[in-house]
Amino acid sequence: MALALGEKLPLKTGSHRVAPAEHSASEQMIRVVHHSFDDSVFVDGDYVIKGIAGRLLVSMLEQHLANGTLEFTNREIRLDAALKLPEFKDNLETRLLLLRRRLDEKQLPIRLVRLGRGRIGIRIEGRLRLRKDMA
């Protein structure tokens, strides 16, 4: 086959070309920003969710950073007063489902997985940095 005018044949040298090493999941930095005025959450600069679902995500991430927690029960989530869930008809399962779908749709390195009845897990593929904006 003929070469196009701009193409050149590679020079043969003794060195091998090595593809750059991919960063392992644990080396990837995940930057999460939580804006408390509307509980909106951004991951690596992209909007994810707001409101109660945003508070749920931030609460799980805070617990993970504080003590390594990766599994949660609906009961312990409901009992967490900091989440300010409505006392009647909190729709927790629906909010968790919405959050899980949103994380999956955006293909983020943070995912929620159902572990069984009344149990949910969080999977984080990288190093997490959480920043809370109070204003």
N, C-alpha and C. Protein backbone atom coordinates (compact mmCIF):
# COMPACT_ATOMS: atom_id res chain seq x y z
N MET A 1 0.83 -1.18 0.00
CA MET A 1 0.00 0.00 0.00
C MET A 1 0.87 1.24 0.00
N ALA A 2 0.39 2.23 -0.64
CA ALA A 2 1.14 3.49 -0.69
C ALA A 2 0.88 4.29 0.58
N LEU A 3 1.88 5.04 1.01
CA LEU A 3 1.75 5.89 2.19
C LEU A 3 1.23 7.25 1.78
N ALA A 4 0.43 7.84 2.64
CA ALA A 4 -0.02 9.21 2.39
C ALA A 4 1.17 10.13 2.53
N LEU A 5 1.10 11.32 1.95
CA LEU A 5 2.22 12.24 1.96
C LEU A 5 2.72 12.57 3.36
N GLY A 6 1.83 12.72 4.32
CA GLY A 6 2.23 13.13 5.66
C GLY A 6 2.70 11.99 6.53
N GLU A 7 2.54 10.75 6.12
CA GLU A 7 2.89 9.62 6.96
C GLU A 7 4.37 9.29 6.83
N LYS A 8 4.94 8.88 7.92
CA LYS A 8 6.33 8.45 7.92
C LYS A 8 6.41 7.07 8.54
N LEU A 9 7.33 6.31 8.09
CA LEU A 9 7.56 5.02 8.71
C LEU A 9 8.32 5.23 10.01
N PRO A 10 7.97 4.49 11.06
CA PRO A 10 8.68 4.66 12.32
C PRO A 10 10.12 4.17 12.18
N LEU A 11 11.00 4.88 12.86
CA LEU A 11 12.39 4.45 12.88
C LEU A 11 12.52 3.31 13.86
N LYS A 12 13.26 2.31 13.48
CA LYS A 12 13.45 1.18 14.38
C LYS A 12 14.59 1.50 15.33
N THR A 13 14.28 1.44 16.59
CA THR A 13 15.29 1.66 17.61
C THR A 13 15.25 0.50 18.58
N GLY A 14 16.19 0.47 19.46
CA GLY A 14 16.27 -0.63 20.41
C GLY A 14 15.27 -0.53 21.55
N SER A 15 14.62 0.61 21.72
CA SER A 15 13.70 0.75 22.85
C SER A 15 12.30 0.30 22.47
N HIS A 16 11.57 -0.18 23.45
CA HIS A 16 10.18 -0.59 23.26
C HIS A 16 9.28 0.53 23.73
N ARG A 17 8.24 0.75 22.99
CA ARG A 17 7.28 1.77 23.40
C ARG A 17 6.34 1.15 24.42
N VAL A 18 6.22 1.79 25.59
CA VAL A 18 5.38 1.27 26.67
C VAL A 18 4.20 2.21 26.84
N ALA A 19 3.01 1.64 26.89
CA ALA A 19 1.81 2.45 27.12
C ALA A 19 1.87 2.99 28.53
N PRO A 20 1.40 4.23 28.73
CA PRO A 20 1.42 4.77 30.08
C PRO A 20 0.58 3.91 31.02
N ALA A 21 1.08 3.74 32.21
CA ALA A 21 0.37 2.91 33.19
C ALA A 21 -0.93 3.59 33.58
N GLU A 22 -1.99 2.81 33.63
CA GLU A 22 -3.26 3.36 34.07
C GLU A 22 -3.25 3.44 35.58
N HIS A 23 -3.88 4.48 36.09
CA HIS A 23 -3.96 4.62 37.54
C HIS A 23 -4.94 3.59 38.06
N SER A 24 -4.58 2.96 39.14
CA SER A 24 -5.52 2.02 39.75
C SER A 24 -6.65 2.82 40.37
N ALA A 25 -7.75 2.15 40.61
CA ALA A 25 -8.92 2.82 41.16
C ALA A 25 -8.60 3.51 42.48
N SER A 26 -7.72 2.92 43.27
CA SER A 26 -7.42 3.49 44.57
C SER A 26 -6.62 4.79 44.46
N GLU A 27 -5.99 5.05 43.32
CA GLU A 27 -5.21 6.27 43.15
C GLU A 27 -6.05 7.42 42.62
N GLN A 28 -7.21 7.15 42.07
CA GLN A 28 -8.05 8.19 41.51
C GLN A 28 -8.62 9.06 42.63
N MET A 29 -8.47 10.37 42.50
CA MET A 29 -9.03 11.29 43.49
C MET A 29 -10.46 11.61 43.09
N ILE A 30 -11.38 11.46 44.03
CA ILE A 30 -12.79 11.78 43.81
C ILE A 30 -13.11 13.00 44.65
N ARG A 31 -13.44 14.09 43.99
CA ARG A 31 -13.74 15.34 44.69
C ARG A 31 -15.25 15.52 44.78
N VAL A 32 -15.74 15.54 46.00
CA VAL A 32 -17.17 15.71 46.25
C VAL A 32 -17.37 17.04 46.96
N VAL A 33 -18.30 17.84 46.45
CA VAL A 33 -18.63 19.12 47.08
C VAL A 33 -20.11 19.09 47.45
N HIS A 34 -20.39 19.45 48.70
CA HIS A 34 -21.76 19.50 49.21
C HIS A 34 -22.09 20.95 49.54
N HIS A 35 -23.16 21.46 48.94
CA HIS A 35 -23.63 22.82 49.23
C HIS A 35 -24.81 22.70 50.18
N SER A 36 -24.62 23.16 51.41
CA SER A 36 -25.63 22.93 52.45
C SER A 36 -26.91 23.73 52.26
N PHE A 37 -26.87 24.84 51.51
CA PHE A 37 -28.09 25.65 51.38
C PHE A 37 -29.20 24.90 50.66
N ASP A 38 -28.88 24.00 49.73
CA ASP A 38 -29.91 23.20 49.07
C ASP A 38 -29.56 21.72 49.04
N ASP A 39 -28.50 21.36 49.75
CA ASP A 39 -28.02 19.97 49.83
C ASP A 39 -27.68 19.40 48.46
N SER A 40 -27.21 20.26 47.56
CA SER A 40 -26.78 19.76 46.25
C SER A 40 -25.38 19.16 46.38
N VAL A 41 -25.14 18.14 45.57
CA VAL A 41 -23.88 17.41 45.61
C VAL A 41 -23.29 17.38 44.21
N PHE A 42 -22.00 17.69 44.14
CA PHE A 42 -21.26 17.65 42.88
C PHE A 42 -20.11 16.66 43.06
N VAL A 43 -19.89 15.82 42.06
CA VAL A 43 -18.76 14.89 42.07
C VAL A 43 -17.87 15.23 40.89
N ASP A 44 -16.63 15.55 41.19
CA ASP A 44 -15.66 15.96 40.17
C ASP A 44 -16.22 17.07 39.28
N GLY A 45 -16.93 18.01 39.90
CA GLY A 45 -17.45 19.17 39.19
C GLY A 45 -18.79 18.97 38.50
N ASP A 46 -19.30 17.75 38.47
CA ASP A 46 -20.59 17.48 37.83
C ASP A 46 -21.70 17.38 38.86
N TYR A 47 -22.81 18.06 38.57
CA TYR A 47 -23.97 18.00 39.46
C TYR A 47 -24.50 16.56 39.50
N VAL A 48 -24.82 16.10 40.72
CA VAL A 48 -25.35 14.75 40.88
C VAL A 48 -26.80 14.79 41.35
N ILE A 49 -27.04 15.43 42.49
CA ILE A 49 -28.38 15.38 43.09
C ILE A 49 -28.46 16.43 44.18
N LYS A 50 -29.68 16.74 44.62
CA LYS A 50 -29.84 17.68 45.74
C LYS A 50 -30.98 17.23 46.64
N GLY A 51 -31.20 17.98 47.69
CA GLY A 51 -32.29 17.69 48.61
C GLY A 51 -31.94 16.55 49.56
N ILE A 52 -32.96 15.83 49.97
CA ILE A 52 -32.76 14.75 50.94
C ILE A 52 -31.83 13.68 50.38
N ALA A 53 -31.95 13.36 49.10
CA ALA A 53 -31.05 12.36 48.51
C ALA A 53 -29.60 12.83 48.58
N GLY A 54 -29.37 14.13 48.40
CA GLY A 54 -28.02 14.68 48.54
C GLY A 54 -27.51 14.54 49.96
N ARG A 55 -28.38 14.81 50.93
CA ARG A 55 -27.99 14.63 52.34
C ARG A 55 -27.67 13.18 52.64
N LEU A 56 -28.45 12.26 52.06
CA LEU A 56 -28.19 10.83 52.27
C LEU A 56 -26.79 10.46 51.77
N LEU A 57 -26.46 10.90 50.56
CA LEU A 57 -25.16 10.58 49.98
C LEU A 57 -24.03 11.16 50.83
N VAL A 58 -24.15 12.41 51.21
CA VAL A 58 -23.10 13.06 52.00
C VAL A 58 -22.95 12.37 53.36
N SER A 59 -24.05 11.99 53.97
CA SER A 59 -23.99 11.30 55.25
C SER A 59 -23.22 9.98 55.13
N MET A 60 -23.51 9.23 54.07
CA MET A 60 -22.80 7.96 53.87
C MET A 60 -21.31 8.20 53.63
N LEU A 61 -20.99 9.22 52.84
CA LEU A 61 -19.59 9.53 52.56
C LEU A 61 -18.86 9.98 53.83
N GLU A 62 -19.53 10.79 54.65
CA GLU A 62 -18.92 11.23 55.91
C GLU A 62 -18.65 10.05 56.83
N GLN A 63 -19.61 9.14 56.92
CA GLN A 63 -19.42 7.97 57.77
C GLN A 63 -18.29 7.09 57.25
N HIS A 64 -18.19 7.00 55.93
CA HIS A 64 -17.09 6.23 55.36
C HIS A 64 -15.74 6.88 55.70
N LEU A 65 -15.65 8.19 55.55
CA LEU A 65 -14.40 8.88 55.85
C LEU A 65 -14.06 8.80 57.34
N ALA A 66 -15.06 8.87 58.20
CA ALA A 66 -14.83 8.88 59.64
C ALA A 66 -14.40 7.51 60.17
N ASN A 67 -15.07 6.45 59.70
CA ASN A 67 -14.76 5.14 60.28
C ASN A 67 -14.79 3.98 59.30
N GLY A 68 -14.77 4.28 58.00
CA GLY A 68 -14.67 3.22 57.00
C GLY A 68 -15.96 2.48 56.70
N THR A 69 -17.08 2.98 57.17
CA THR A 69 -18.36 2.31 56.96
C THR A 69 -18.72 2.23 55.48
N LEU A 70 -19.09 1.04 55.04
CA LEU A 70 -19.49 0.83 53.64
C LEU A 70 -20.89 0.22 53.53
N GLU A 71 -21.47 -0.18 54.66
CA GLU A 71 -22.80 -0.80 54.64
C GLU A 71 -23.70 -0.08 55.64
N PHE A 72 -24.95 0.09 55.24
CA PHE A 72 -25.91 0.82 56.05
C PHE A 72 -27.24 0.08 56.03
N THR A 73 -27.99 0.24 57.11
CA THR A 73 -29.35 -0.31 57.13
C THR A 73 -30.34 0.84 57.04
N ASN A 74 -31.50 0.55 56.49
CA ASN A 74 -32.54 1.57 56.42
C ASN A 74 -32.89 2.08 57.81
N ARG A 75 -32.87 1.19 58.78
CA ARG A 75 -33.22 1.57 60.15
C ARG A 75 -32.25 2.61 60.69
N GLU A 76 -30.95 2.37 60.54
CA GLU A 76 -29.98 3.33 61.07
C GLU A 76 -30.04 4.65 60.31
N ILE A 77 -30.35 4.60 59.02
CA ILE A 77 -30.49 5.83 58.25
C ILE A 77 -31.69 6.63 58.77
N ARG A 78 -32.80 5.94 59.00
CA ARG A 78 -34.00 6.62 59.50
C ARG A 78 -33.78 7.24 60.88
N LEU A 79 -32.95 6.61 61.70
CA LEU A 79 -32.71 7.10 63.06
C LEU A 79 -31.69 8.24 63.12
N ASP A 80 -31.03 8.54 62.01
CA ASP A 80 -30.03 9.61 61.97
C ASP A 80 -30.73 10.97 61.90
N ALA A 81 -30.79 11.67 63.02
CA ALA A 81 -31.50 12.95 63.11
C ALA A 81 -30.87 14.02 62.21
N ALA A 82 -29.58 13.91 61.93
CA ALA A 82 -28.90 14.90 61.09
C ALA A 82 -29.45 14.92 59.67
N LEU A 83 -30.07 13.83 59.23
CA LEU A 83 -30.62 13.78 57.87
C LEU A 83 -31.92 14.56 57.73
N LYS A 84 -32.56 14.85 58.85
CA LYS A 84 -33.81 15.62 58.85
C LYS A 84 -34.86 15.00 57.92
N LEU A 85 -35.00 13.69 58.00
CA LEU A 85 -36.02 13.01 57.21
C LEU A 85 -37.40 13.34 57.76
N PRO A 86 -38.41 13.42 56.90
CA PRO A 86 -39.77 13.62 57.40
C PRO A 86 -40.14 12.47 58.34
N GLU A 87 -40.87 12.78 59.40
CA GLU A 87 -41.22 11.74 60.37
C GLU A 87 -42.27 10.78 59.82
N PHE A 88 -43.11 11.26 58.92
CA PHE A 88 -44.17 10.43 58.37
C PHE A 88 -43.96 10.31 56.87
N LYS A 89 -43.98 9.10 56.37
CA LYS A 89 -43.79 8.83 54.93
C LYS A 89 -42.51 9.47 54.41
N ASP A 90 -41.39 8.98 54.89
CA ASP A 90 -40.10 9.55 54.48
C ASP A 90 -39.67 9.11 53.08
N ASN A 91 -40.32 8.09 52.51
CA ASN A 91 -39.99 7.59 51.17
C ASN A 91 -38.51 7.26 51.03
N LEU A 92 -37.92 6.73 52.07
CA LEU A 92 -36.49 6.46 52.07
C LEU A 92 -36.07 5.53 50.94
N GLU A 93 -36.80 4.43 50.75
CA GLU A 93 -36.43 3.49 49.70
C GLU A 93 -36.46 4.14 48.32
N THR A 94 -37.47 4.98 48.08
CA THR A 94 -37.58 5.68 46.80
C THR A 94 -36.42 6.64 46.61
N ARG A 95 -36.05 7.35 47.66
CA ARG A 95 -34.94 8.31 47.57
C ARG A 95 -33.62 7.58 47.33
N LEU A 96 -33.42 6.44 47.99
CA LEU A 96 -32.21 5.66 47.78
C LEU A 96 -32.16 5.09 46.36
N LEU A 97 -33.30 4.66 45.85
CA LEU A 97 -33.36 4.14 44.48
C LEU A 97 -33.03 5.24 43.48
N LEU A 98 -33.59 6.43 43.67
CA LEU A 98 -33.30 7.56 42.80
C LEU A 98 -31.81 7.90 42.84
N LEU A 99 -31.24 7.92 44.03
CA LEU A 99 -29.82 8.23 44.18
C LEU A 99 -28.96 7.16 43.49
N ARG A 100 -29.31 5.91 43.69
CA ARG A 100 -28.55 4.82 43.06
C ARG A 100 -28.61 4.92 41.53
N ARG A 101 -29.79 5.19 41.00
CA ARG A 101 -29.93 5.33 39.54
C ARG A 101 -29.14 6.52 39.01
N ARG A 102 -29.17 7.62 39.74
CA ARG A 102 -28.44 8.82 39.29
C ARG A 102 -26.93 8.56 39.26
N LEU A 103 -26.41 7.89 40.29
CA LEU A 103 -24.98 7.57 40.32
C LEU A 103 -24.62 6.62 39.18
N ASP A 104 -25.50 5.66 38.90
CA ASP A 104 -25.26 4.72 37.80
C ASP A 104 -25.31 5.41 36.44
N GLU A 105 -26.33 6.27 36.24
CA GLU A 105 -26.48 6.97 34.96
C GLU A 105 -25.25 7.80 34.62
N LYS A 106 -24.71 8.45 35.63
CA LYS A 106 -23.56 9.33 35.41
C LYS A 106 -22.24 8.57 35.44
N GLN A 107 -22.31 7.26 35.68
CA GLN A 107 -21.13 6.39 35.71
C GLN A 107 -20.03 6.96 36.61
N LEU A 108 -20.44 7.33 37.81
CA LEU A 108 -19.51 7.92 38.76
C LEU A 108 -18.74 6.85 39.53
N PRO A 109 -17.60 7.22 40.10
CA PRO A 109 -16.82 6.25 40.87
C PRO A 109 -17.39 6.00 42.26
N ILE A 110 -18.57 6.51 42.51
CA ILE A 110 -19.30 6.26 43.75
C ILE A 110 -20.61 5.59 43.35
N ARG A 111 -20.88 4.43 43.92
CA ARG A 111 -22.11 3.69 43.57
C ARG A 111 -22.78 3.18 44.82
N LEU A 112 -24.09 3.05 44.74
CA LEU A 112 -24.86 2.38 45.79
C LEU A 112 -25.26 1.01 45.27
N VAL A 113 -25.18 0.02 46.14
CA VAL A 113 -25.57 -1.34 45.77
C VAL A 113 -26.51 -1.88 46.84
N ARG A 114 -27.52 -2.58 46.38
CA ARG A 114 -28.46 -3.20 47.31
C ARG A 114 -27.84 -4.49 47.83
N LEU A 115 -27.79 -4.61 49.14
CA LEU A 115 -27.16 -5.78 49.76
C LEU A 115 -28.18 -6.79 50.26
N GLY A 116 -29.41 -6.41 50.29
CA GLY A 116 -30.46 -7.27 50.80
C GLY A 116 -31.58 -6.41 51.32
N ARG A 117 -32.56 -7.05 51.89
CA ARG A 117 -33.71 -6.31 52.38
C ARG A 117 -33.29 -5.34 53.49
N GLY A 118 -33.55 -4.06 53.24
CA GLY A 118 -33.25 -3.04 54.24
C GLY A 118 -31.78 -2.73 54.41
N ARG A 119 -30.93 -3.17 53.48
CA ARG A 119 -29.49 -2.92 53.58
C ARG A 119 -28.97 -2.37 52.27
N ILE A 120 -28.08 -1.39 52.38
CA ILE A 120 -27.49 -0.78 51.19
C ILE A 120 -26.00 -0.58 51.44
N GLY A 121 -25.23 -0.72 50.37
CA GLY A 121 -23.79 -0.53 50.48
C GLY A 121 -23.35 0.60 49.57
N ILE A 122 -22.23 1.18 49.90
CA ILE A 122 -21.65 2.22 49.05
C ILE A 122 -20.29 1.72 48.57
N ARG A 123 -20.03 1.88 47.29
CA ARG A 123 -18.76 1.46 46.69
C ARG A 123 -18.07 2.72 46.18
N ILE A 124 -16.85 2.90 46.60
CA ILE A 124 -16.08 4.09 46.24
C ILE A 124 -14.81 3.62 45.56
N GLU A 125 -14.65 4.00 44.30
CA GLU A 125 -13.50 3.56 43.51
C GLU A 125 -12.48 4.68 43.42
N GLY A 126 -11.78 4.92 44.51
CA GLY A 126 -10.76 5.96 44.53
C GLY A 126 -10.64 6.57 45.91
N ARG A 127 -9.82 7.61 45.98
CA ARG A 127 -9.63 8.33 47.25
C ARG A 127 -10.63 9.48 47.29
N LEU A 128 -11.33 9.57 48.37
CA LEU A 128 -12.42 10.52 48.50
C LEU A 128 -11.96 11.80 49.18
N ARG A 129 -12.36 12.92 48.61
CA ARG A 129 -12.16 14.22 49.26
C ARG A 129 -13.51 14.91 49.29
N LEU A 130 -14.02 15.18 50.49
CA LEU A 130 -15.33 15.79 50.67
C LEU A 130 -15.16 17.20 51.20
N ARG A 131 -15.78 18.15 50.50
CA ARG A 131 -15.75 19.55 50.93
C ARG A 131 -17.18 20.01 51.11
N LYS A 132 -17.43 20.66 52.25
CA LYS A 132 -18.77 21.17 52.53
C LYS A 132 -18.75 22.68 52.48
N ASP A 133 -19.61 23.24 51.64
CA ASP A 133 -19.78 24.69 51.57
C ASP A 133 -20.99 25.06 52.40
N MET A 134 -20.78 25.89 53.39
CA MET A 134 -21.86 26.23 54.32
C MET A 134 -22.72 27.39 53.83
N ALA A 135 -22.23 28.20 52.94
CA ALA A 135 -23.00 29.38 52.51
C ALA A 135 -23.96 29.07 51.40
